[in-house]
Amino acid sequence: MKLSTHLVFDGRCEAAFKLYERCLGGKALHATLIIGNNTLMGVDALPEKYERPKGFHVLLGTEDPGEAERIYQALAENGTVQMPLQA
């Protein structure tokens, strides 16, 4: 089985995926970012249908501590850190 994650945004899907593409080194096409064997998808909801996401987290793992630090810092820039980088 292969799991694909689908995210819903409030009109900022394109900007989010440009950031993810830069930080994670993937390729984005129509709000689908392929990272190795993983897929992250996103879409902008209609303004009257958008609800701020609740109750989920996306966990990223890498064996390379330097790569983990690089990704963490890139995603934390202008973001809200809820948990510090951990081993």
N, C-alpha and C. Protein backbone atom coordinates (compact mmCIF):
# COMPACT_ATOMS: atom_id res chain seq x y z
N MET A 1 0.84 -1.16 0.00
CA MET A 1 0.00 0.00 0.00
C MET A 1 0.90 1.24 0.00
N LYS A 2 0.46 2.27 -0.71
CA LYS A 2 1.15 3.54 -0.74
C LYS A 2 0.19 4.61 -0.26
N LEU A 3 0.60 5.42 0.69
CA LEU A 3 -0.24 6.46 1.24
C LEU A 3 0.08 7.79 0.57
N SER A 4 -0.93 8.52 0.14
CA SER A 4 -0.77 9.87 -0.40
C SER A 4 -1.49 10.83 0.53
N THR A 5 -0.81 11.91 0.90
CA THR A 5 -1.37 12.90 1.80
C THR A 5 -1.97 14.04 0.98
N HIS A 6 -3.19 14.44 1.29
CA HIS A 6 -3.90 15.48 0.56
C HIS A 6 -4.20 16.61 1.55
N LEU A 7 -3.72 17.82 1.26
CA LEU A 7 -3.90 18.97 2.14
C LEU A 7 -4.87 19.96 1.51
N VAL A 8 -5.65 20.66 2.35
CA VAL A 8 -6.59 21.67 1.87
C VAL A 8 -6.14 23.03 2.39
N PHE A 9 -6.10 24.03 1.50
CA PHE A 9 -5.64 25.37 1.83
C PHE A 9 -6.74 26.40 1.62
N ASP A 10 -6.50 27.60 2.13
CA ASP A 10 -7.48 28.70 2.04
C ASP A 10 -7.12 29.69 0.94
N GLY A 11 -6.67 29.20 -0.20
CA GLY A 11 -6.30 30.07 -1.31
C GLY A 11 -4.81 30.24 -1.48
N ARG A 12 -4.01 29.59 -0.63
CA ARG A 12 -2.55 29.73 -0.70
C ARG A 12 -1.85 28.42 -1.03
N CYS A 13 -2.53 27.53 -1.72
CA CYS A 13 -1.97 26.23 -2.07
C CYS A 13 -0.72 26.38 -2.93
N GLU A 14 -0.78 27.23 -3.95
CA GLU A 14 0.37 27.38 -4.84
C GLU A 14 1.61 27.86 -4.08
N ALA A 15 1.45 28.85 -3.23
CA ALA A 15 2.58 29.36 -2.45
C ALA A 15 3.13 28.29 -1.52
N ALA A 16 2.24 27.54 -0.88
CA ALA A 16 2.68 26.48 0.02
C ALA A 16 3.49 25.42 -0.73
N PHE A 17 3.01 25.01 -1.90
CA PHE A 17 3.70 23.97 -2.64
C PHE A 17 5.01 24.45 -3.24
N LYS A 18 5.13 25.72 -3.56
CA LYS A 18 6.42 26.26 -4.00
C LYS A 18 7.42 26.19 -2.85
N LEU A 19 6.96 26.49 -1.63
CA LEU A 19 7.82 26.37 -0.46
C LEU A 19 8.22 24.92 -0.23
N TYR A 20 7.26 24.00 -0.26
CA TYR A 20 7.56 22.58 -0.05
C TYR A 20 8.52 22.06 -1.11
N GLU A 21 8.32 22.47 -2.35
CA GLU A 21 9.20 22.04 -3.44
C GLU A 21 10.63 22.49 -3.16
N ARG A 22 10.78 23.76 -2.73
CA ARG A 22 12.11 24.29 -2.44
C ARG A 22 12.72 23.59 -1.22
N CYS A 23 11.96 23.42 -0.16
CA CYS A 23 12.49 22.84 1.08
C CYS A 23 12.76 21.36 0.98
N LEU A 24 11.88 20.63 0.30
CA LEU A 24 11.96 19.17 0.29
C LEU A 24 12.61 18.60 -0.96
N GLY A 25 12.91 19.45 -1.94
CA GLY A 25 13.61 18.99 -3.13
C GLY A 25 12.77 18.10 -4.03
N GLY A 26 11.47 18.32 -4.05
CA GLY A 26 10.59 17.51 -4.89
C GLY A 26 10.20 18.24 -6.16
N LYS A 27 9.31 17.64 -6.90
CA LYS A 27 8.75 18.23 -8.11
C LYS A 27 7.26 18.42 -7.90
N ALA A 28 6.78 19.65 -8.14
CA ALA A 28 5.35 19.94 -7.94
C ALA A 28 4.67 20.10 -9.29
N LEU A 29 3.49 19.51 -9.44
CA LEU A 29 2.69 19.64 -10.65
C LEU A 29 1.23 19.61 -10.25
N HIS A 30 0.52 20.69 -10.49
CA HIS A 30 -0.90 20.77 -10.13
C HIS A 30 -1.11 20.41 -8.67
N ALA A 31 -0.31 21.00 -7.78
CA ALA A 31 -0.39 20.79 -6.34
C ALA A 31 -0.18 19.33 -5.94
N THR A 32 0.67 18.66 -6.68
CA THR A 32 1.13 17.32 -6.30
C THR A 32 2.65 17.39 -6.25
N LEU A 33 3.22 17.06 -5.12
CA LEU A 33 4.66 17.08 -4.93
C LEU A 33 5.14 15.65 -4.74
N ILE A 34 5.99 15.18 -5.65
CA ILE A 34 6.55 13.84 -5.57
C ILE A 34 7.92 13.95 -4.91
N ILE A 35 8.10 13.26 -3.79
CA ILE A 35 9.36 13.25 -3.05
C ILE A 35 9.77 11.80 -2.90
N GLY A 36 10.69 11.35 -3.75
CA GLY A 36 11.05 9.94 -3.74
C GLY A 36 9.85 9.10 -4.10
N ASN A 37 9.46 8.18 -3.22
CA ASN A 37 8.28 7.33 -3.44
C ASN A 37 7.04 7.87 -2.74
N ASN A 38 7.10 9.11 -2.25
CA ASN A 38 5.99 9.70 -1.50
C ASN A 38 5.30 10.78 -2.31
N THR A 39 4.01 10.98 -2.04
CA THR A 39 3.21 11.98 -2.74
C THR A 39 2.51 12.86 -1.72
N LEU A 40 2.64 14.18 -1.89
CA LEU A 40 1.92 15.15 -1.09
C LEU A 40 1.05 15.95 -2.04
N MET A 41 -0.27 15.99 -1.79
CA MET A 41 -1.19 16.69 -2.67
C MET A 41 -1.89 17.79 -1.90
N GLY A 42 -2.30 18.84 -2.60
CA GLY A 42 -3.01 19.94 -1.97
C GLY A 42 -3.98 20.59 -2.93
N VAL A 43 -4.92 21.31 -2.37
CA VAL A 43 -5.96 21.97 -3.15
C VAL A 43 -6.44 23.19 -2.37
N ASP A 44 -6.86 24.22 -3.09
CA ASP A 44 -7.51 25.35 -2.45
C ASP A 44 -9.00 25.06 -2.36
N ALA A 45 -9.55 25.23 -1.17
CA ALA A 45 -11.00 25.06 -0.98
C ALA A 45 -11.72 26.33 -1.39
N LEU A 46 -13.00 26.20 -1.71
CA LEU A 46 -13.82 27.39 -1.94
C LEU A 46 -13.82 28.20 -0.66
N PRO A 47 -13.75 29.53 -0.74
CA PRO A 47 -13.65 30.35 0.48
C PRO A 47 -14.72 30.02 1.52
N GLU A 48 -15.94 29.79 1.09
CA GLU A 48 -17.01 29.51 2.06
C GLU A 48 -16.96 28.09 2.62
N LYS A 49 -16.13 27.23 2.04
CA LYS A 49 -16.00 25.84 2.48
C LYS A 49 -14.72 25.57 3.28
N TYR A 50 -13.78 26.53 3.28
CA TYR A 50 -12.49 26.30 3.94
C TYR A 50 -12.66 26.23 5.45
N GLU A 51 -12.04 25.23 6.05
CA GLU A 51 -11.94 25.11 7.50
C GLU A 51 -10.49 24.91 7.86
N ARG A 52 -10.01 25.66 8.83
CA ARG A 52 -8.63 25.51 9.26
C ARG A 52 -8.41 24.07 9.72
N PRO A 53 -7.32 23.41 9.24
CA PRO A 53 -7.09 22.01 9.61
C PRO A 53 -6.93 21.84 11.13
N LYS A 54 -7.46 20.73 11.63
CA LYS A 54 -7.36 20.40 13.05
C LYS A 54 -7.03 18.91 13.18
N GLY A 55 -6.18 18.59 14.12
CA GLY A 55 -6.00 17.20 14.49
C GLY A 55 -5.14 16.34 13.59
N PHE A 56 -4.20 16.92 12.84
CA PHE A 56 -3.29 16.08 12.07
C PHE A 56 -1.90 16.70 12.04
N HIS A 57 -0.93 15.87 11.81
CA HIS A 57 0.45 16.30 11.64
C HIS A 57 1.05 15.50 10.50
N VAL A 58 1.99 16.11 9.80
CA VAL A 58 2.76 15.40 8.78
C VAL A 58 4.16 15.21 9.36
N LEU A 59 4.58 13.98 9.51
CA LEU A 59 5.89 13.69 10.08
C LEU A 59 6.86 13.37 8.95
N LEU A 60 8.03 13.99 9.00
CA LEU A 60 9.08 13.75 8.02
C LEU A 60 10.24 13.08 8.73
N GLY A 61 10.83 12.09 8.10
CA GLY A 61 11.97 11.41 8.68
C GLY A 61 13.09 11.26 7.67
N THR A 62 14.31 11.42 8.13
CA THR A 62 15.49 11.21 7.29
C THR A 62 16.61 10.65 8.16
N GLU A 63 17.48 9.88 7.56
CA GLU A 63 18.61 9.30 8.29
C GLU A 63 19.77 10.29 8.40
N ASP A 64 19.74 11.37 7.63
CA ASP A 64 20.83 12.35 7.58
C ASP A 64 20.52 13.53 8.49
N PRO A 65 21.23 13.68 9.63
CA PRO A 65 20.95 14.79 10.55
C PRO A 65 21.10 16.17 9.90
N GLY A 66 22.04 16.33 9.00
CA GLY A 66 22.22 17.61 8.31
C GLY A 66 21.03 17.94 7.43
N GLU A 67 20.51 16.94 6.72
CA GLU A 67 19.33 17.13 5.88
C GLU A 67 18.11 17.43 6.74
N ALA A 68 17.99 16.76 7.88
CA ALA A 68 16.87 17.02 8.80
C ALA A 68 16.91 18.47 9.28
N GLU A 69 18.08 18.94 9.65
CA GLU A 69 18.23 20.32 10.12
C GLU A 69 17.90 21.31 9.00
N ARG A 70 18.36 21.05 7.78
CA ARG A 70 18.10 21.93 6.65
C ARG A 70 16.60 22.04 6.38
N ILE A 71 15.91 20.91 6.35
CA ILE A 71 14.47 20.89 6.09
C ILE A 71 13.73 21.59 7.23
N TYR A 72 14.09 21.29 8.46
CA TYR A 72 13.45 21.89 9.63
C TYR A 72 13.55 23.41 9.59
N GLN A 73 14.77 23.91 9.35
CA GLN A 73 14.97 25.36 9.32
C GLN A 73 14.20 26.00 8.17
N ALA A 74 14.17 25.35 7.00
CA ALA A 74 13.46 25.90 5.84
C ALA A 74 11.95 25.97 6.10
N LEU A 75 11.39 24.93 6.71
CA LEU A 75 9.95 24.92 6.99
C LEU A 75 9.60 25.84 8.16
N ALA A 76 10.54 26.06 9.10
CA ALA A 76 10.29 26.91 10.26
C ALA A 76 10.34 28.40 9.89
N GLU A 77 11.06 28.73 8.82
CA GLU A 77 11.19 30.12 8.41
C GLU A 77 9.81 30.70 8.09
N ASN A 78 9.45 31.76 8.79
CA ASN A 78 8.15 32.42 8.64
C ASN A 78 6.98 31.49 9.01
N GLY A 79 7.26 30.43 9.74
CA GLY A 79 6.21 29.50 10.15
C GLY A 79 6.05 29.50 11.66
N THR A 80 5.27 28.57 12.15
CA THR A 80 5.05 28.41 13.59
C THR A 80 5.58 27.04 13.98
N VAL A 81 6.62 27.01 14.78
CA VAL A 81 7.20 25.75 15.25
C VAL A 81 6.42 25.29 16.46
N GLN A 82 5.88 24.07 16.38
CA GLN A 82 5.13 23.52 17.51
C GLN A 82 5.94 22.49 18.28
N MET A 83 6.99 21.97 17.65
CA MET A 83 7.82 20.96 18.31
C MET A 83 9.25 21.15 17.81
N PRO A 84 10.23 21.18 18.72
CA PRO A 84 11.61 21.34 18.29
C PRO A 84 12.09 20.09 17.55
N LEU A 85 13.12 20.27 16.73
CA LEU A 85 13.74 19.16 16.00
C LEU A 85 14.25 18.13 17.00
N GLN A 86 13.97 16.86 16.74
CA GLN A 86 14.36 15.79 17.66
C GLN A 86 15.09 14.70 16.92
N ALA A 87 15.92 13.97 17.65
CA ALA A 87 16.65 12.83 17.05
C ALA A 87 15.70 11.70 16.77
